[in-house]
Amino acid sequence: MVAINLLPFFIHAQPNGQTRFSFHRGLMGTQFNVILYAPDSTAAQRAYSAVSARMDSLNQIMSDYMDGSEINRLSATSGSGQWVPVSTDLFNVLTEAQAIARLSNGRFDPTLGPLSLLWRRAVRRKEFPSAKERHRARRAVGYQLMELDSTTHSVRLRRPGMRLDVGGIGQGFAIDEALTVLHRFGIRSFLLDIGGDILVGDPPPNSAGWRVGIGSASAGDTDTTTIFLKNAAITTSGDAYRFLEYNGQRYSHIMNPRSGLGLHHFVRSTVLAPVGYQADALTKVFSVAGLRKSRRLIRRFQGVKLLILENKKGKLHKWQSAPF
């Protein structure tokens, strides 16, 4: 997991007139942390309040956990043949998700909802889904079955039973939107972290960048690397906390859309990217692809760097596309 050093509820004056402010709240089923530099507490609170409101509005649009969310209302129209007008935010996140699905040959898929529901229940109940259940769910999955019309900002879901799930890209998309809000308030130096999806702006005063630690002692890996980040996003995906064990086999919460199952060997991907939605989604893409295939696949994504660890048959393999 990506680790950061936060100063909770702390204000620290800097010699250049900028002051460091920290804000924390629960959001999207995880913790949302904001560190920003502003001239005073009034400016900081106004900017944070606007960011927080923006995040809440996006959650109402993108969350497939919330009854009545826009994405769930859209999913309810699947198989009807209707072109459904949607908000600019939902259309944009679905457009980015579909583009990554195509470039990754379906290793990321925003129509994964039927399988996601099945796997969430399995992890929660510790009950493995049957082959019949998985087969039924897979029939309603396929990014090619989601059609987008950029002229009317409309979406059509061609097959009955389809259910959209942008959980693998939504948090990254949300912090990209939060960046836009902060820039509108003149805030350029900041760190946004939602559940380990991290996006940073300009470095803190008198610093080379935001200090981020990568790595943890898991699956035999004991290396921790510290990097200094500016104007970039970074995300790590792995199975350290959420997984299912069945018949002696451990299955990750990271799902392979092709099999409908969680990954059944350890893999941890850290992606450094220009924007949050890329870092968020591509950790899943490279985890599903695995180390060997990721070496070629990463060439499709400009400006993206990857650190991947994979444990197969008891042996840990590590590869990094370029220094972070």
Protein backbone atom coordinates (compact mmCIF):
# COMPACT_ATOMS: atom_id res chain seq x y z
CA MET A 1 0.00 0.00 0.00
CA VAL A 2 1.11 3.54 -0.65
CA ALA A 3 1.86 5.26 2.64
CA ILE A 4 1.95 8.96 3.37
CA ASN A 5 2.88 10.99 6.41
CA LEU A 6 -0.19 12.99 7.42
CA LEU A 7 -0.49 15.53 10.23
CA PRO A 8 -4.12 15.11 11.33
CA PHE A 9 -6.00 18.27 12.30
CA PHE A 10 -2.72 20.20 12.36
CA ILE A 11 -1.90 23.72 11.25
CA HIS A 12 1.72 24.66 10.68
CA ALA A 13 2.88 28.11 9.60
CA GLN A 14 5.55 28.39 6.92
CA PRO A 15 8.05 31.22 6.53
CA ASN A 16 6.74 32.19 3.06
CA GLY A 17 3.29 33.09 4.35
CA GLN A 18 1.67 29.80 3.33
CA THR A 19 0.25 27.61 6.09
CA ARG A 20 -0.28 23.85 6.02
CA PHE A 21 -3.82 22.65 6.80
CA SER A 22 -5.07 19.07 7.12
CA PHE A 23 -8.65 17.83 6.77
CA HIS A 24 -10.03 14.30 7.17
CA ARG A 25 -13.42 12.65 6.71
CA GLY A 26 -15.03 9.36 5.73
CA LEU A 27 -16.06 9.12 2.08
CA MET A 28 -16.85 6.40 -0.47
CA GLY A 29 -16.44 3.71 2.16
CA THR A 30 -12.91 4.79 3.04
CA GLN A 31 -10.92 7.72 4.46
CA PHE A 32 -10.51 10.97 2.56
CA ASN A 33 -7.49 13.07 3.54
CA VAL A 34 -6.60 16.52 2.27
CA ILE A 35 -3.43 18.49 2.98
CA LEU A 36 -3.15 21.90 1.43
CA TYR A 37 -1.17 25.11 1.74
CA ALA A 38 -3.15 28.34 1.93
CA PRO A 39 -2.55 31.91 3.12
CA ASP A 40 -4.97 31.59 6.05
CA SER A 41 -7.57 29.35 7.68
CA THR A 42 -10.49 31.07 5.95
CA ALA A 43 -9.05 30.39 2.49
CA ALA A 44 -8.21 26.81 3.45
CA GLN A 45 -11.68 26.09 4.85
CA ARG A 46 -13.44 27.55 1.84
CA ALA A 47 -11.37 25.47 -0.56
CA TYR A 48 -11.81 22.29 1.45
CA SER A 49 -15.58 22.81 1.80
CA ALA A 50 -15.88 23.17 -1.97
CA VAL A 51 -13.79 20.03 -2.51
CA SER A 52 -15.86 18.08 0.01
CA ALA A 53 -19.12 19.14 -1.64
CA ARG A 54 -17.77 18.15 -5.05
CA MET A 55 -16.77 14.72 -3.76
CA ASP A 56 -20.23 14.19 -2.26
CA SER A 57 -21.91 15.07 -5.56
CA LEU A 58 -19.67 12.62 -7.44
CA ASN A 59 -20.43 9.89 -4.91
CA GLN A 60 -24.16 10.39 -5.52
CA ILE A 61 -23.49 9.93 -9.23
CA MET A 62 -20.96 7.08 -9.32
CA SER A 63 -21.64 4.87 -6.30
CA ASP A 64 -23.22 1.53 -7.13
CA TYR A 65 -23.68 0.97 -3.37
CA MET A 66 -26.25 3.76 -3.09
CA ASP A 67 -29.90 3.20 -3.95
CA GLY A 68 -31.01 5.87 -6.36
CA SER A 69 -27.53 6.89 -7.51
CA GLU A 70 -27.34 8.00 -11.12
CA ILE A 71 -25.23 5.02 -12.16
CA ASN A 72 -27.72 2.58 -10.61
CA ARG A 73 -30.63 4.30 -12.34
CA LEU A 74 -28.76 3.92 -15.61
CA SER A 75 -28.07 0.24 -14.93
CA ALA A 76 -31.79 -0.32 -14.35
CA THR A 77 -32.41 0.55 -18.03
CA SER A 78 -30.19 -2.24 -19.35
CA GLY A 79 -31.71 -4.29 -22.14
CA SER A 80 -34.49 -1.75 -22.74
CA GLY A 81 -32.98 -0.41 -25.96
CA GLN A 82 -33.15 3.14 -24.59
CA TRP A 83 -30.51 5.79 -25.08
CA VAL A 84 -30.39 7.41 -21.64
CA PRO A 85 -29.11 11.00 -21.24
CA VAL A 86 -26.70 11.21 -18.30
CA SER A 87 -24.81 13.93 -16.46
CA THR A 88 -21.51 15.22 -17.81
CA ASP A 89 -19.70 13.66 -14.84
CA LEU A 90 -21.12 10.18 -15.39
CA PHE A 91 -20.57 10.38 -19.13
CA ASN A 92 -16.95 11.46 -18.62
CA VAL A 93 -16.05 8.72 -16.16
CA LEU A 94 -17.70 6.08 -18.38
CA THR A 95 -15.80 7.43 -21.40
CA GLU A 96 -12.46 7.17 -19.59
CA ALA A 97 -13.37 3.73 -18.26
CA GLN A 98 -14.32 2.42 -21.69
CA ALA A 99 -11.10 3.79 -23.21
CA ILE A 100 -9.00 1.93 -20.63
CA ALA A 101 -11.11 -1.20 -21.15
CA ARG A 102 -10.33 -1.12 -24.88
CA LEU A 103 -6.61 -0.41 -24.44
CA SER A 104 -6.32 -3.19 -21.85
CA ASN A 105 -8.31 -5.73 -23.91
CA GLY A 106 -10.96 -5.97 -21.21
CA ARG A 107 -8.67 -6.43 -18.22
CA PHE A 108 -10.55 -3.46 -16.82
CA ASP A 109 -14.29 -3.38 -17.45
CA PRO A 110 -16.85 -0.85 -16.15
CA THR A 111 -19.70 -3.31 -16.86
CA LEU A 112 -18.32 -5.71 -14.25
CA GLY A 113 -21.22 -5.02 -11.88
CA PRO A 114 -22.94 -8.44 -11.97
CA LEU A 115 -19.65 -10.19 -11.14
CA SER A 116 -18.75 -7.54 -8.55
CA LEU A 117 -21.99 -8.16 -6.67
CA LEU A 118 -21.36 -11.90 -6.73
CA TRP A 119 -17.78 -11.56 -5.50
CA ARG A 120 -18.61 -9.01 -2.80
CA ARG A 121 -21.17 -11.42 -1.39
CA ALA A 122 -18.66 -14.25 -1.55
CA VAL A 123 -16.01 -12.27 0.34
CA ARG A 124 -18.55 -11.07 2.91
CA ARG A 125 -20.05 -14.52 3.54
CA LYS A 126 -16.87 -16.51 2.89
CA GLU A 127 -18.88 -18.57 0.40
CA PHE A 128 -17.47 -19.36 -3.02
CA PRO A 129 -19.84 -18.53 -5.92
CA SER A 130 -20.97 -21.51 -7.97
CA ALA A 131 -19.97 -22.00 -11.59
CA LYS A 132 -23.63 -21.52 -12.58
CA GLU A 133 -23.80 -18.16 -10.77
CA ARG A 134 -20.57 -16.98 -12.37
CA HIS A 135 -21.70 -18.05 -15.84
CA ARG A 136 -25.02 -16.20 -15.46
CA ALA A 137 -23.25 -13.03 -14.27
CA ARG A 138 -20.61 -13.15 -17.03
CA ARG A 139 -23.31 -13.14 -19.70
CA ALA A 140 -24.23 -9.58 -18.66
CA VAL A 141 -20.63 -8.31 -18.67
CA GLY A 142 -18.75 -6.76 -21.58
CA TYR A 143 -17.59 -3.20 -22.15
CA GLN A 144 -18.55 -3.58 -25.83
CA LEU A 145 -22.18 -3.84 -24.68
CA MET A 146 -22.07 -0.27 -23.34
CA GLU A 147 -22.60 2.32 -26.08
CA LEU A 148 -21.79 6.01 -25.63
CA ASP A 149 -23.09 8.90 -27.73
CA SER A 150 -20.87 11.96 -27.24
CA THR A 151 -23.26 14.24 -29.12
CA THR A 152 -26.19 13.72 -26.75
CA HIS A 153 -24.22 12.52 -23.68
CA SER A 154 -26.35 9.40 -23.73
CA VAL A 155 -25.64 5.77 -22.84
CA ARG A 156 -27.26 2.55 -24.00
CA LEU A 157 -26.75 -0.77 -22.21
CA ARG A 158 -27.57 -3.40 -24.78
CA ARG A 159 -28.04 -6.55 -22.70
CA PRO A 160 -30.57 -7.22 -19.90
CA GLY A 161 -29.08 -7.60 -16.43
CA MET A 162 -26.11 -5.32 -17.05
CA ARG A 163 -24.84 -3.39 -14.05
CA LEU A 164 -22.17 -0.70 -14.17
CA ASP A 165 -19.38 -0.53 -11.61
CA VAL A 166 -16.80 2.26 -11.79
CA GLY A 167 -15.33 1.46 -8.37
CA GLY A 168 -12.00 0.67 -10.02
CA ILE A 169 -11.66 4.16 -11.49
CA GLY A 170 -14.09 6.37 -9.56
CA GLN A 171 -11.86 7.41 -6.68
CA GLY A 172 -9.10 8.44 -9.05
CA PHE A 173 -11.60 10.34 -11.18
CA ALA A 174 -12.93 12.09 -8.05
CA ILE A 175 -9.54 13.37 -6.92
CA ASP A 176 -8.88 14.67 -10.43
CA GLU A 177 -12.07 16.70 -10.05
CA ALA A 178 -10.98 17.83 -6.57
CA LEU A 179 -7.75 19.16 -8.13
CA THR A 180 -9.83 21.32 -10.47
CA VAL A 181 -11.71 22.76 -7.49
CA LEU A 182 -8.52 23.56 -5.59
CA HIS A 183 -7.04 25.30 -8.62
CA ARG A 184 -10.18 27.42 -8.85
CA PHE A 185 -9.47 28.62 -5.30
CA GLY A 186 -5.84 29.36 -6.13
CA ILE A 187 -4.53 26.36 -4.17
CA ARG A 188 -1.56 24.83 -6.01
CA SER A 189 0.28 22.89 -3.29
CA PHE A 190 -1.81 20.00 -1.97
CA LEU A 191 -2.10 16.27 -1.40
CA LEU A 192 -5.35 14.38 -1.89
CA ASP A 193 -5.68 10.81 -0.63
CA ILE A 194 -8.81 8.71 -0.83
CA GLY A 195 -8.28 5.13 0.26
CA GLY A 196 -4.69 5.11 -1.03
CA ASP A 197 -5.45 6.80 -4.35
CA ILE A 198 -3.12 9.79 -4.09
CA LEU A 199 -2.88 12.93 -6.21
CA VAL A 200 -0.45 15.77 -5.44
CA GLY A 201 0.07 19.25 -6.79
CA ASP A 202 3.07 21.52 -6.44
CA PRO A 203 5.59 20.55 -3.73
CA PRO A 204 5.22 21.94 -0.21
CA PRO A 205 7.26 25.11 0.44
CA ASN A 206 11.01 24.50 0.52
CA SER A 207 10.59 20.86 -0.50
CA ALA A 208 11.46 18.73 -3.52
CA GLY A 209 8.05 17.09 -3.41
CA TRP A 210 5.49 15.26 -1.31
CA ARG A 211 7.11 12.37 0.52
CA VAL A 212 5.46 9.04 -0.33
CA GLY A 213 6.53 5.59 0.87
CA ILE A 214 5.98 2.60 -1.41
CA GLY A 215 6.06 -0.98 -0.23
CA SER A 216 5.20 -3.10 2.79
CA ALA A 217 6.30 -6.36 4.30
CA SER A 218 4.02 -8.77 2.45
CA ALA A 219 4.50 -11.87 0.32
CA GLY A 220 8.20 -11.81 1.12
CA ASP A 221 8.78 -8.21 0.05
CA THR A 222 10.43 -6.10 2.74
CA ASP A 223 11.62 -3.17 0.63
CA THR A 224 10.17 0.25 1.27
CA THR A 225 11.05 3.01 -1.16
CA THR A 226 10.56 6.70 -0.48
CA ILE A 227 9.91 9.01 -3.40
CA PHE A 228 9.21 12.74 -3.66
CA LEU A 229 6.19 13.40 -5.81
CA LYS A 230 4.85 16.53 -7.51
CA ASN A 231 1.97 17.10 -9.93
CA ALA A 232 1.26 13.39 -10.34
CA ALA A 233 -0.91 10.54 -9.09
CA ILE A 234 0.06 7.24 -7.51
CA THR A 235 -1.97 4.20 -6.49
CA THR A 236 -1.20 0.70 -5.24
CA SER A 237 -3.49 -2.33 -5.51
CA GLY A 238 -3.01 -5.59 -3.69
CA ASP A 239 -4.84 -8.17 -1.58
CA ALA A 240 -3.37 -7.41 1.84
CA TYR A 241 -6.73 -6.66 3.48
CA ARG A 242 -9.58 -7.97 1.32
CA PHE A 243 -9.56 -11.52 0.04
CA LEU A 244 -11.41 -14.85 0.16
CA GLU A 245 -9.92 -18.18 1.14
CA TYR A 246 -11.59 -21.27 -0.30
CA ASN A 247 -10.30 -24.86 -0.28
CA GLY A 248 -6.86 -23.63 0.71
CA GLN A 249 -6.71 -21.12 -2.14
CA ARG A 250 -6.56 -17.37 -1.54
CA TYR A 251 -8.53 -15.16 -3.95
CA SER A 252 -7.93 -11.41 -4.13
CA HIS A 253 -10.69 -8.78 -4.18
CA ILE A 254 -9.12 -7.69 -7.49
CA MET A 255 -11.19 -9.49 -10.09
CA ASN A 256 -10.26 -10.77 -13.51
CA PRO A 257 -13.27 -9.79 -15.67
CA ARG A 258 -12.59 -12.72 -17.98
CA SER A 259 -12.80 -15.44 -15.33
CA GLY A 260 -15.20 -13.73 -12.94
CA LEU A 261 -12.91 -14.67 -10.05
CA GLY A 262 -10.52 -12.80 -7.84
CA LEU A 263 -6.84 -13.24 -8.67
CA HIS A 264 -5.54 -16.38 -7.01
CA HIS A 265 -1.89 -15.48 -6.67
CA PHE A 266 -0.26 -12.53 -4.96
CA VAL A 267 0.31 -9.52 -7.16
CA ARG A 268 0.81 -5.91 -6.13
CA SER A 269 0.93 -3.09 -8.66
CA THR A 270 1.96 0.49 -8.01
CA VAL A 271 1.21 2.92 -10.83
CA LEU A 272 2.54 6.46 -11.17
CA ALA A 273 0.52 8.44 -13.71
CA PRO A 274 -0.19 12.03 -14.76
CA VAL A 275 -3.79 11.86 -13.48
CA GLY A 276 -5.70 10.03 -10.77
CA TYR A 277 -8.15 8.04 -12.88
CA GLN A 278 -5.29 6.43 -14.80
CA ALA A 279 -3.36 5.46 -11.67
CA ASP A 280 -6.52 4.03 -10.10
CA ALA A 281 -7.69 1.93 -13.05
CA LEU A 282 -4.29 0.80 -14.29
CA THR A 283 -3.34 -0.83 -10.99
CA LYS A 284 -6.17 -3.28 -11.69
CA VAL A 285 -5.18 -3.67 -15.34
CA PHE A 286 -1.56 -4.57 -14.56
CA SER A 287 -2.51 -6.78 -11.62
CA VAL A 288 -4.80 -8.81 -13.88
CA ALA A 289 -2.26 -8.86 -16.72
CA GLY A 290 0.57 -10.02 -14.46
CA LEU A 291 4.23 -9.13 -14.64
CA ARG A 292 5.14 -10.69 -17.98
CA LYS A 293 2.25 -9.27 -20.01
CA SER A 294 2.44 -5.89 -18.27
CA ARG A 295 5.91 -5.33 -19.74
CA ARG A 296 4.31 -5.01 -23.18
CA LEU A 297 0.94 -3.61 -22.13
CA ILE A 298 2.37 -0.53 -20.43
CA ARG A 299 3.56 0.80 -23.81
CA ARG A 300 -0.07 1.67 -24.59
CA PHE A 301 -0.26 4.19 -21.74
CA GLN A 302 1.89 7.28 -22.24
CA GLY A 303 3.50 8.86 -19.17
CA VAL A 304 2.69 5.89 -16.93
CA LYS A 305 5.23 4.06 -14.76
CA LEU A 306 4.74 0.69 -13.08
CA LEU A 307 6.24 -1.22 -10.17
CA ILE A 308 4.84 -4.74 -9.97
CA LEU A 309 5.49 -7.63 -7.59
CA GLU A 310 4.18 -11.10 -8.30
CA ASN A 311 4.49 -14.28 -6.28
CA LYS A 312 4.04 -17.45 -8.30
CA LYS A 313 4.83 -20.91 -6.99
CA GLY A 314 6.48 -19.43 -3.93
CA LYS A 315 8.90 -17.21 -5.82
CA LEU A 316 8.68 -13.41 -5.72
CA HIS A 317 9.29 -11.55 -8.97
CA LYS A 318 9.67 -7.78 -9.20
CA TRP A 319 9.78 -5.45 -12.19
CA GLN A 320 9.76 -1.67 -12.60
CA SER A 321 9.22 0.01 -15.96
CA ALA A 322 11.18 3.16 -15.03
CA PRO A 323 12.36 4.92 -11.88
CA PHE A 324 9.62 6.82 -10.04
